[in-house]
Amino acid sequence: MYCIYVLHSLKDGKLYTGYTENLQSRIKAHEGGFVRSTKYHSHFKLIHYETFIYRKDAKRRELYLKGGNGKKKLEIMLRD
């Protein structure tokens, strides 16, 4: 299974979107400072994830959520 996930940084309030085959391990990597994009934004809360059978579907969804319309819709959905 492949997961896309959205993390909320408790430090700066930003959202970080990614995909992985092992969600627990990936979150630990973010928290431990081993992921370049979030190295200085530690202390995260997992606020959303979706699972997919196929890698290509997870990658497609990740790219959509990182892009303009997807990011806006995600922010609206997660506003409260």
N, C-alpha and C. Protein backbone atom coordinates (compact mmCIF):
# COMPACT_ATOMS: atom_id res chain seq x y z
N MET A 1 0.83 -1.18 0.00
CA MET A 1 0.00 0.00 0.00
C MET A 1 0.88 1.25 0.00
N TYR A 2 0.36 2.27 -0.61
CA TYR A 2 1.04 3.57 -0.66
C TYR A 2 0.15 4.61 -0.01
N CYS A 3 0.75 5.49 0.76
CA CYS A 3 0.00 6.54 1.46
C CYS A 3 0.45 7.91 1.01
N ILE A 4 -0.50 8.81 0.89
CA ILE A 4 -0.16 10.22 0.82
C ILE A 4 -0.55 10.76 2.18
N TYR A 5 0.18 11.75 2.64
CA TYR A 5 -0.08 12.27 3.99
C TYR A 5 0.10 13.77 4.01
N VAL A 6 -0.53 14.39 4.98
CA VAL A 6 -0.37 15.83 5.19
C VAL A 6 0.00 16.02 6.65
N LEU A 7 1.13 16.68 6.86
CA LEU A 7 1.58 17.01 8.20
C LEU A 7 1.39 18.49 8.45
N HIS A 8 1.03 18.83 9.67
CA HIS A 8 0.90 20.22 10.08
C HIS A 8 2.04 20.51 11.03
N SER A 9 2.86 21.50 10.70
CA SER A 9 3.98 21.87 11.56
C SER A 9 3.46 22.69 12.73
N LEU A 10 3.71 22.23 13.93
CA LEU A 10 3.30 22.97 15.12
C LEU A 10 4.24 24.15 15.37
N LYS A 11 5.36 24.17 14.67
CA LYS A 11 6.34 25.24 14.82
C LYS A 11 5.98 26.47 13.97
N ASP A 12 5.63 26.23 12.69
CA ASP A 12 5.37 27.36 11.81
C ASP A 12 3.97 27.35 11.18
N GLY A 13 3.17 26.33 11.47
CA GLY A 13 1.79 26.27 10.98
C GLY A 13 1.65 25.84 9.53
N LYS A 14 2.73 25.50 8.85
CA LYS A 14 2.66 25.11 7.45
C LYS A 14 2.23 23.66 7.29
N LEU A 15 1.71 23.36 6.09
CA LEU A 15 1.32 22.00 5.75
C LEU A 15 2.37 21.39 4.84
N TYR A 16 2.70 20.14 5.08
CA TYR A 16 3.67 19.40 4.28
C TYR A 16 3.00 18.13 3.78
N THR A 17 3.07 17.93 2.46
CA THR A 17 2.42 16.78 1.82
C THR A 17 3.49 15.88 1.23
N GLY A 18 3.30 14.57 1.37
CA GLY A 18 4.24 13.61 0.81
C GLY A 18 3.57 12.28 0.58
N TYR A 19 4.36 11.32 0.12
CA TYR A 19 3.84 9.96 -0.05
C TYR A 19 4.89 8.97 0.39
N THR A 20 4.45 7.78 0.79
CA THR A 20 5.36 6.78 1.32
C THR A 20 4.71 5.40 1.27
N GLU A 21 5.52 4.39 1.45
CA GLU A 21 5.02 3.02 1.61
C GLU A 21 4.88 2.66 3.08
N ASN A 22 5.56 3.40 3.96
CA ASN A 22 5.54 3.12 5.39
C ASN A 22 5.31 4.43 6.14
N LEU A 23 4.07 4.70 6.48
CA LEU A 23 3.70 5.98 7.07
C LEU A 23 4.37 6.22 8.43
N GLN A 24 4.37 5.23 9.29
CA GLN A 24 4.99 5.41 10.62
C GLN A 24 6.46 5.75 10.52
N SER A 25 7.17 5.04 9.67
CA SER A 25 8.59 5.27 9.49
C SER A 25 8.85 6.66 8.91
N ARG A 26 8.02 7.07 7.98
CA ARG A 26 8.20 8.38 7.34
C ARG A 26 7.96 9.52 8.34
N ILE A 27 6.95 9.38 9.18
CA ILE A 27 6.68 10.41 10.19
C ILE A 27 7.85 10.50 11.17
N LYS A 28 8.41 9.35 11.56
CA LYS A 28 9.58 9.35 12.44
C LYS A 28 10.77 10.04 11.77
N ALA A 29 10.92 9.85 10.47
CA ALA A 29 12.00 10.51 9.73
C ALA A 29 11.80 12.03 9.74
N HIS A 30 10.56 12.47 9.57
CA HIS A 30 10.26 13.91 9.63
C HIS A 30 10.58 14.45 11.03
N GLU A 31 10.12 13.77 12.04
CA GLU A 31 10.34 14.21 13.42
C GLU A 31 11.81 14.21 13.80
N GLY A 32 12.56 13.27 13.24
CA GLY A 32 13.98 13.17 13.57
C GLY A 32 14.88 14.13 12.79
N GLY A 33 14.30 14.89 11.87
CA GLY A 33 15.09 15.84 11.09
C GLY A 33 15.83 15.21 9.94
N PHE A 34 15.39 14.04 9.48
CA PHE A 34 16.07 13.34 8.39
C PHE A 34 15.48 13.64 7.02
N VAL A 35 14.46 14.50 6.95
CA VAL A 35 13.84 14.87 5.68
C VAL A 35 14.20 16.32 5.41
N ARG A 36 14.87 16.54 4.30
CA ARG A 36 15.42 17.87 3.99
C ARG A 36 14.36 18.98 4.02
N SER A 37 13.18 18.73 3.44
CA SER A 37 12.17 19.78 3.33
C SER A 37 11.57 20.19 4.68
N THR A 38 11.67 19.34 5.68
CA THR A 38 11.06 19.64 6.97
C THR A 38 12.06 19.62 8.12
N LYS A 39 13.32 19.61 7.80
CA LYS A 39 14.37 19.46 8.81
C LYS A 39 14.28 20.50 9.93
N TYR A 40 13.96 21.73 9.58
CA TYR A 40 13.93 22.80 10.57
C TYR A 40 12.52 23.19 11.00
N HIS A 41 11.57 22.32 10.73
CA HIS A 41 10.16 22.60 11.06
C HIS A 41 9.57 21.46 11.89
N SER A 42 10.32 20.93 12.81
CA SER A 42 9.90 19.73 13.55
C SER A 42 8.68 19.97 14.42
N HIS A 43 8.23 18.89 15.00
CA HIS A 43 7.01 18.82 15.80
C HIS A 43 5.79 18.92 14.88
N PHE A 44 5.43 17.76 14.37
CA PHE A 44 4.35 17.67 13.40
C PHE A 44 3.16 16.93 13.96
N LYS A 45 2.03 17.21 13.37
CA LYS A 45 0.81 16.48 13.66
C LYS A 45 0.28 15.95 12.33
N LEU A 46 0.05 14.64 12.27
CA LEU A 46 -0.54 14.05 11.07
C LEU A 46 -2.01 14.46 11.04
N ILE A 47 -2.41 15.19 10.01
CA ILE A 47 -3.79 15.68 9.98
C ILE A 47 -4.62 15.04 8.87
N HIS A 48 -3.97 14.34 7.93
CA HIS A 48 -4.72 13.71 6.85
C HIS A 48 -3.85 12.66 6.18
N TYR A 49 -4.46 11.54 5.79
CA TYR A 49 -3.76 10.58 4.94
C TYR A 49 -4.77 9.81 4.12
N GLU A 50 -4.31 9.30 2.99
CA GLU A 50 -5.12 8.48 2.10
C GLU A 50 -4.25 7.31 1.65
N THR A 51 -4.85 6.15 1.43
CA THR A 51 -4.08 4.99 0.99
C THR A 51 -4.49 4.60 -0.43
N PHE A 52 -3.52 4.05 -1.14
CA PHE A 52 -3.71 3.63 -2.53
C PHE A 52 -3.05 2.28 -2.75
N ILE A 53 -3.59 1.52 -3.64
CA ILE A 53 -2.99 0.23 -3.99
C ILE A 53 -1.79 0.43 -4.90
N TYR A 54 -1.92 1.36 -5.83
CA TYR A 54 -0.88 1.55 -6.84
C TYR A 54 -0.08 2.82 -6.58
N ARG A 55 1.23 2.71 -6.75
CA ARG A 55 2.16 3.83 -6.54
C ARG A 55 1.80 5.02 -7.43
N LYS A 56 1.49 4.76 -8.69
CA LYS A 56 1.21 5.85 -9.62
C LYS A 56 0.01 6.67 -9.18
N ASP A 57 -0.98 6.02 -8.57
CA ASP A 57 -2.15 6.75 -8.08
C ASP A 57 -1.79 7.64 -6.89
N ALA A 58 -0.94 7.12 -6.00
CA ALA A 58 -0.51 7.91 -4.84
C ALA A 58 0.32 9.11 -5.29
N LYS A 59 1.23 8.90 -6.24
CA LYS A 59 2.05 10.00 -6.75
C LYS A 59 1.18 11.06 -7.43
N ARG A 60 0.20 10.62 -8.19
CA ARG A 60 -0.70 11.56 -8.88
C ARG A 60 -1.46 12.41 -7.87
N ARG A 61 -1.96 11.77 -6.81
CA ARG A 61 -2.71 12.50 -5.77
C ARG A 61 -1.79 13.46 -5.02
N GLU A 62 -0.56 13.01 -4.71
CA GLU A 62 0.39 13.87 -4.02
C GLU A 62 0.67 15.13 -4.86
N LEU A 63 0.92 14.95 -6.14
CA LEU A 63 1.20 16.09 -7.00
C LEU A 63 0.00 17.04 -7.08
N TYR A 64 -1.20 16.48 -7.12
CA TYR A 64 -2.40 17.32 -7.14
C TYR A 64 -2.50 18.14 -5.86
N LEU A 65 -2.30 17.51 -4.71
CA LEU A 65 -2.42 18.21 -3.44
C LEU A 65 -1.31 19.25 -3.23
N LYS A 66 -0.18 19.07 -3.88
CA LYS A 66 0.91 20.03 -3.77
C LYS A 66 0.71 21.20 -4.73
N GLY A 67 -0.13 21.01 -5.75
CA GLY A 67 -0.34 22.03 -6.77
C GLY A 67 -1.36 23.07 -6.35
N GLY A 68 -1.58 24.05 -7.20
CA GLY A 68 -2.45 25.19 -6.91
C GLY A 68 -3.85 24.84 -6.46
N ASN A 69 -4.66 24.24 -7.34
CA ASN A 69 -6.05 23.94 -6.99
C ASN A 69 -6.15 22.91 -5.86
N GLY A 70 -5.32 21.89 -5.91
CA GLY A 70 -5.36 20.87 -4.88
C GLY A 70 -4.97 21.42 -3.52
N LYS A 71 -3.98 22.26 -3.49
CA LYS A 71 -3.53 22.86 -2.23
C LYS A 71 -4.61 23.75 -1.65
N LYS A 72 -5.27 24.53 -2.50
CA LYS A 72 -6.34 25.40 -2.04
C LYS A 72 -7.51 24.59 -1.48
N LYS A 73 -7.89 23.53 -2.19
CA LYS A 73 -9.00 22.69 -1.72
C LYS A 73 -8.64 21.98 -0.43
N LEU A 74 -7.41 21.54 -0.30
CA LEU A 74 -6.94 20.89 0.92
C LEU A 74 -7.00 21.86 2.10
N GLU A 75 -6.56 23.08 1.89
CA GLU A 75 -6.59 24.09 2.96
C GLU A 75 -8.02 24.40 3.38
N ILE A 76 -8.94 24.47 2.41
CA ILE A 76 -10.36 24.70 2.73
C ILE A 76 -10.91 23.53 3.52
N MET A 77 -10.60 22.31 3.07
CA MET A 77 -11.10 21.11 3.73
C MET A 77 -10.59 21.01 5.17
N LEU A 78 -9.36 21.41 5.40
CA LEU A 78 -8.72 21.25 6.71
C LEU A 78 -8.75 22.54 7.54
N ARG A 79 -9.47 23.53 7.09
CA ARG A 79 -9.48 24.84 7.74
C ARG A 79 -9.79 24.76 9.22
N ASP A 80 -10.77 24.00 9.59
CA ASP A 80 -11.18 23.93 11.00
C ASP A 80 -10.52 22.75 11.66
